[in-house]
């Protein structure tokens, strides 16, 4: 599956943004599909967006129990976290794919191994900008301001503000300081993505932070067969998320991209889906072999 990851990412991006003619019209799709959240980070304001961004939708209603929609979004995110963990980041997120495409540009690449403390920033963004501020700073009907979408998310500028302003002169005339600020963030992410692998995913993305909380308990996990592993270190060197899969196969930073699987010369690393630990399955296999003997 990891060999076709690029195609899967492209397909997921297309399904997330089905209404491509809207780019020319300068309007948004507002049908029934917008009541459903997509799994990855994709702006609701994108003219082609076929669903709602889970982070944006969660921020809008987190401050009020009046909206049953808030329970639906929370349950939806937890369900995805349990089923897939950060597999969504590696295979289904449009903005993650965008950063990877930028990183393929032929320039000097820099390592993020010495910048690991920055990975904790995304948990602060999740806690403060996605949960606390929208939950406590609400209007009369109990709706919070989408602080992350409004002040930090570069995807909104890339998919929403830029294409809408190009097609609509009224929107173009209304652009102000906030657009300038967000556009600066987008430019910074673009430059950093060329130099570093997925900088926004590693350091700032609250959706990735949320899914990371479920990585160790999700049904989709990485498995390392210790009997096949020769400790060559190729998997750790291949991982662009700075994870050593042999030591922490389900690390919170692992996006299940499968680069370690392709790098392993002995096929010791693989995807695993289902209940029970890899150790239990190994013990069961050993028991069956002993019984046959």
Protein backbone atom coordinates (compact mmCIF):
# COMPACT_ATOMS: atom_id res chain seq x y z
CA UNK A 1 0.00 0.00 0.00
CA UNK A 2 2.85 2.40 0.77
CA UNK A 3 4.06 2.11 -2.84
CA UNK A 4 0.82 3.69 -4.04
CA UNK A 5 0.64 6.31 -1.30
CA UNK A 6 1.04 9.25 -3.68
CA UNK A 7 -1.91 8.07 -5.76
CA UNK A 8 -3.99 7.50 -2.64
CA UNK A 9 -3.17 11.02 -1.42
CA UNK A 10 -4.15 12.47 -4.80
CA UNK A 11 -7.41 10.51 -4.81
CA UNK A 12 -8.24 11.59 -1.25
CA UNK A 13 -7.59 15.24 -2.18
CA UNK A 14 -9.87 14.97 -5.20
CA UNK A 15 -12.68 13.32 -3.21
CA UNK A 16 -12.33 16.01 -0.57
CA UNK A 17 -12.62 18.70 -3.27
CA UNK A 18 -15.03 17.33 -5.85
CA UNK A 19 -16.67 20.58 -6.93
CA UNK A 20 -13.83 21.88 -9.10
CA UNK A 21 -16.01 24.10 -11.40
CA UNK A 22 -16.66 26.33 -8.38
CA UNK A 23 -13.12 27.67 -8.70
CA UNK A 24 -14.23 29.47 -11.87
CA UNK A 25 -17.53 30.61 -10.37
CA UNK A 26 -15.97 32.06 -7.23
CA UNK A 27 -18.63 30.49 -5.01
CA UNK A 28 -18.82 27.70 -2.42
CA UNK A 29 -20.60 24.38 -2.55
CA UNK A 30 -23.28 24.58 0.16
CA UNK A 31 -25.11 21.29 -0.31
CA UNK A 32 -25.82 18.50 2.16
CA UNK A 33 -22.23 17.28 1.96
CA UNK A 34 -21.06 20.27 3.99
CA UNK A 35 -22.82 18.75 7.02
CA UNK A 36 -20.23 15.95 6.98
CA UNK A 37 -16.63 16.39 8.09
CA UNK A 38 -13.76 15.17 5.94
CA UNK A 39 -10.96 13.30 7.79
CA UNK A 40 -8.02 15.56 6.83
CA UNK A 41 -7.27 19.26 7.04
CA UNK A 42 -9.23 20.86 4.19
CA UNK A 43 -10.81 24.32 4.33
CA UNK A 44 -14.60 24.64 4.38
CA UNK A 45 -14.18 27.86 2.36
CA UNK A 46 -12.47 26.13 -0.54
CA UNK A 47 -14.77 26.55 -3.58
CA UNK A 48 -14.37 22.87 -4.41
CA UNK A 49 -14.68 21.50 -0.85
CA UNK A 50 -17.16 18.63 -0.64
CA UNK A 51 -17.33 18.58 3.18
CA UNK A 52 -16.50 20.51 6.33
CA UNK A 53 -13.11 20.76 8.00
CA UNK A 54 -13.34 18.89 11.33
CA UNK A 55 -11.18 21.46 13.14
CA UNK A 56 -13.18 24.42 11.85
CA UNK A 57 -16.51 22.75 12.61
CA UNK A 58 -15.40 21.76 16.11
CA UNK A 59 -14.28 25.31 16.94
CA UNK A 60 -17.58 26.78 15.81
CA UNK A 61 -19.74 24.81 18.25
CA UNK A 62 -17.42 23.66 21.05
CA UNK A 63 -18.61 26.38 23.41
CA UNK A 64 -22.25 25.38 23.55
CA UNK A 65 -24.15 22.24 24.52
CA UNK A 66 -27.08 23.52 22.47
CA UNK A 67 -25.51 22.16 19.32
CA UNK A 68 -25.75 18.38 19.00
CA UNK A 69 -23.38 18.88 16.06
CA UNK A 70 -20.55 19.35 18.56
CA UNK A 71 -21.07 15.85 19.93
CA UNK A 72 -21.18 14.47 16.41
CA UNK A 73 -17.86 16.11 15.49
CA UNK A 74 -16.16 15.01 18.69
CA UNK A 75 -17.39 11.46 18.22
CA UNK A 76 -16.37 11.50 14.57
CA UNK A 77 -12.81 12.56 15.41
CA UNK A 78 -12.48 10.01 18.21
CA UNK A 79 -13.79 7.25 15.93
CA UNK A 80 -11.27 8.14 13.22
CA UNK A 81 -8.51 8.30 15.80
CA UNK A 82 -9.33 4.83 17.10
CA UNK A 83 -9.74 3.30 13.64
CA UNK A 84 -6.77 4.89 11.86
CA UNK A 85 -4.67 7.13 14.11
CA UNK A 86 -2.24 9.25 12.11
CA UNK A 87 -2.70 7.08 9.03
CA UNK A 88 -5.03 9.93 8.04
CA UNK A 89 -2.08 12.34 8.11
CA UNK A 90 0.02 10.06 5.92
CA UNK A 91 -2.58 9.03 3.37
CA UNK A 92 -5.74 11.18 3.49
CA UNK A 93 -4.78 14.78 4.33
CA UNK A 94 -4.69 17.23 1.37
CA UNK A 95 -2.47 19.76 3.14
CA UNK A 96 -0.02 17.06 4.14
CA UNK A 97 0.23 15.99 0.51
CA UNK A 98 0.76 19.62 -0.54
CA UNK A 99 3.74 19.89 1.80
CA UNK A 100 5.20 16.64 0.48
CA UNK A 101 4.96 17.86 -3.12
CA UNK A 102 6.82 21.03 -2.14
CA UNK A 103 9.51 18.95 -0.42
CA UNK A 104 10.18 17.11 -3.68
CA UNK A 105 11.55 20.29 -5.25
CA UNK A 106 15.28 19.77 -5.95
CA UNK A 107 16.95 21.87 -3.27
CA UNK A 108 19.06 21.23 -0.18
CA UNK A 109 17.04 19.47 2.55
CA UNK A 110 17.41 20.07 6.28
CA UNK A 111 16.84 17.63 9.13
CA UNK A 112 14.31 18.26 11.90
CA UNK A 113 15.87 15.85 14.41
CA UNK A 114 17.37 18.68 16.47
CA UNK A 115 14.02 20.50 16.41
CA UNK A 116 12.00 17.77 18.13
CA UNK A 117 10.86 20.04 21.01
CA UNK A 118 8.85 22.00 18.44
CA UNK A 119 6.59 18.97 17.95
CA UNK A 120 4.88 19.83 21.24
CA UNK A 121 3.68 23.16 19.82
CA UNK A 122 0.83 21.49 17.96
CA UNK A 123 -0.62 20.19 21.24
CA UNK A 124 -0.62 23.75 22.60
CA UNK A 125 -2.38 24.91 19.42
CA UNK A 126 -4.96 22.13 19.85
CA UNK A 127 -5.58 22.96 23.50
CA UNK A 128 -5.58 26.76 23.32
CA UNK A 129 -6.75 27.76 19.84
CA UNK A 130 -9.09 24.86 19.04
CA UNK A 131 -10.57 24.06 22.45
CA UNK A 132 -10.09 26.68 25.19
CA UNK A 133 -10.54 29.97 23.32
CA UNK A 134 -13.58 28.87 21.24
CA UNK A 135 -15.10 27.19 24.30
CA UNK A 136 -14.92 30.20 26.61
CA UNK A 137 -15.07 33.16 24.22
CA UNK A 138 -18.52 32.64 22.73
CA UNK A 139 -21.29 34.90 21.42
CA UNK A 140 -24.92 35.13 22.58
CA UNK A 141 -25.93 31.92 20.81
CA UNK A 142 -23.01 29.99 22.22
CA UNK A 143 -20.82 29.89 19.12
CA UNK A 144 -17.11 30.46 19.45
CA UNK A 145 -14.77 32.24 17.09
CA UNK A 146 -12.69 29.78 14.99
CA UNK A 147 -9.36 31.12 16.27
CA UNK A 148 -7.15 28.53 14.57
CA UNK A 149 -8.87 28.92 11.20
CA UNK A 150 -8.99 32.68 11.47
CA UNK A 151 -5.49 33.48 12.71
CA UNK A 152 -3.18 30.54 11.98
CA UNK A 153 -4.34 27.96 9.41
CA UNK A 154 -2.58 28.52 6.05
CA UNK A 155 -4.90 26.07 4.30
CA UNK A 156 -7.72 28.62 4.50
CA UNK A 157 -5.68 31.16 2.52
CA UNK A 158 -4.43 28.59 0.02
CA UNK A 159 -7.79 26.98 -0.71
CA UNK A 160 -10.23 29.72 0.26
CA UNK A 161 -9.05 33.34 0.25
CA UNK A 162 -6.75 33.19 -2.78
CA UNK A 163 -9.04 31.38 -5.26
CA UNK A 164 -12.14 33.29 -4.10
CA UNK A 165 -10.41 36.65 -4.39
CA UNK A 166 -9.16 35.82 -7.87
CA UNK A 167 -12.69 35.04 -9.05
CA UNK A 168 -14.60 37.65 -7.04
CA UNK A 169 -13.70 41.35 -7.19
CA UNK A 170 -15.78 42.13 -4.08
CA UNK A 171 -13.81 39.67 -1.98
CA UNK A 172 -10.57 40.95 -3.48
CA UNK A 173 -11.42 44.51 -2.45
CA UNK A 174 -12.25 43.41 1.10
CA UNK A 175 -8.87 41.80 1.79
CA UNK A 176 -7.03 43.48 4.63
CA UNK A 177 -4.42 43.03 7.35
CA UNK A 178 -5.72 39.63 8.43
CA UNK A 179 -5.26 38.29 4.90
CA UNK A 180 -1.74 39.73 4.82
CA UNK A 181 -0.93 37.99 8.10
CA UNK A 182 -2.35 34.65 6.97
CA UNK A 183 -0.69 34.94 3.56
CA UNK A 184 2.66 35.50 5.33
CA UNK A 185 2.09 32.30 7.31
CA UNK A 186 1.32 30.43 4.09
CA UNK A 187 4.52 31.70 2.46
CA UNK A 188 6.53 30.67 5.51
CA UNK A 189 5.01 27.17 5.44
CA UNK A 190 5.76 26.88 1.71
CA UNK A 191 9.41 27.85 2.16
CA UNK A 192 9.83 25.61 5.18
CA UNK A 193 8.16 22.70 3.36
CA UNK A 194 10.75 22.90 0.61
CA UNK A 195 13.54 22.68 3.19
CA UNK A 196 11.94 20.48 5.87
CA UNK A 197 9.62 17.49 5.56
CA UNK A 198 6.03 18.41 6.56
CA UNK A 199 6.87 21.27 8.97
CA UNK A 200 3.25 22.28 9.55
CA UNK A 201 2.26 18.68 10.32
CA UNK A 202 5.17 18.27 12.73
CA UNK A 203 4.92 21.54 14.60
CA UNK A 204 1.54 23.26 14.27
CA UNK A 205 -1.31 21.06 13.00
CA UNK A 206 -3.96 20.53 15.73
CA UNK A 207 -5.69 17.80 13.74
CA UNK A 208 -2.46 15.83 13.61
CA UNK A 209 -2.04 16.43 17.34
CA UNK A 210 -5.52 15.04 17.99
CA UNK A 211 -4.95 11.89 15.92
CA UNK A 212 -1.51 11.48 17.53
CA UNK A 213 -3.20 11.02 20.91
CA UNK A 214 -4.73 7.80 19.54
CA UNK A 215 -1.70 6.47 17.68
CA UNK A 216 -0.75 3.96 20.36
CA UNK A 217 -4.28 2.56 20.70
CA UNK A 218 -5.55 2.81 17.12
CA UNK A 219 -6.43 -0.34 15.22
CA UNK A 220 -4.05 0.64 12.42
CA UNK A 221 -0.51 0.19 13.71
CA UNK A 222 3.05 -0.65 12.77
CA UNK A 223 4.44 -4.06 13.62
CA UNK A 224 8.11 -5.04 13.90
CA UNK A 225 9.08 -8.71 13.79
CA UNK A 226 12.09 -8.81 16.15
CA UNK A 227 13.10 -12.24 14.86
CA UNK A 228 13.64 -10.79 11.37
CA UNK A 229 15.13 -7.45 12.42
CA UNK A 230 18.93 -7.26 11.94
CA UNK A 231 19.30 -3.81 13.57
CA UNK A 232 20.71 -2.25 10.42
CA UNK A 233 19.08 1.12 11.15
CA UNK A 234 17.79 1.62 7.59
CA UNK A 235 14.20 2.09 8.75
CA UNK A 236 15.16 4.87 11.18
CA UNK A 237 17.22 6.65 8.52
CA UNK A 238 14.35 6.40 6.03
CA UNK A 239 11.79 7.89 8.42
CA UNK A 240 11.27 11.58 7.70
CA UNK A 241 9.15 11.98 10.82
CA UNK A 242 12.23 11.18 12.98
CA UNK A 243 10.84 7.93 14.41
CA UNK A 244 12.79 4.73 15.07
CA UNK A 245 10.10 2.15 14.37
CA UNK A 246 12.09 -0.66 16.01
CA UNK A 247 12.03 1.18 19.35
CA UNK A 248 8.64 2.90 19.23
CA UNK A 249 6.59 1.39 16.38
CA UNK A 250 3.52 3.44 17.29
CA UNK A 251 5.13 6.73 18.19
CA UNK A 252 2.85 9.77 18.18
CA UNK A 253 4.82 11.28 15.28
CA UNK A 254 4.42 8.23 13.04
CA UNK A 255 2.07 8.99 10.14
CA UNK A 256 2.07 5.38 8.82
CA UNK A 257 3.66 6.48 5.53
CA UNK A 258 5.39 3.11 5.11
CA UNK A 259 8.84 4.45 4.27
CA UNK A 260 10.31 2.19 6.94
CA UNK A 261 8.58 -0.82 5.38
CA UNK A 262 10.10 -0.10 1.99
CA UNK A 263 13.54 0.49 3.50
CA UNK A 264 13.68 -2.72 5.55
CA UNK A 265 15.85 -5.35 3.80
CA UNK A 266 14.40 -8.30 5.77
CA UNK A 267 10.67 -7.41 5.66
CA UNK A 268 10.64 -7.10 9.45
CA UNK A 269 8.34 -4.06 9.43
CA UNK A 270 4.74 -4.14 8.27
CA UNK A 271 1.31 -2.59 8.74
CA UNK A 272 -1.05 -4.34 11.15
CA UNK A 273 -4.77 -3.76 11.57
CA UNK A 274 -6.95 -5.21 14.29
CA UNK A 275 -7.12 -5.95 17.99
CA UNK A 276 -4.37 -7.48 20.11
CA UNK A 277 -0.69 -6.69 20.28
CA UNK A 278 1.90 -7.86 17.82
CA UNK A 279 3.59 -9.77 20.65
CA UNK A 280 0.43 -11.76 21.30
CA UNK A 281 0.21 -12.74 17.64
CA UNK A 282 3.90 -13.74 17.61
CA UNK A 283 3.35 -15.90 20.70
CA UNK A 284 0.32 -17.51 19.09
CA UNK A 285 2.30 -18.31 15.95
CA UNK A 286 5.13 -19.79 18.03
CA UNK A 287 2.62 -21.89 19.97
CA UNK A 288 1.13 -23.26 16.74
CA UNK A 289 4.60 -24.19 15.46
CA UNK A 290 5.43 -25.95 18.74
CA UNK A 291 2.18 -27.90 18.59
CA UNK A 292 2.95 -29.06 15.06
CA UNK A 293 6.38 -30.21 16.21
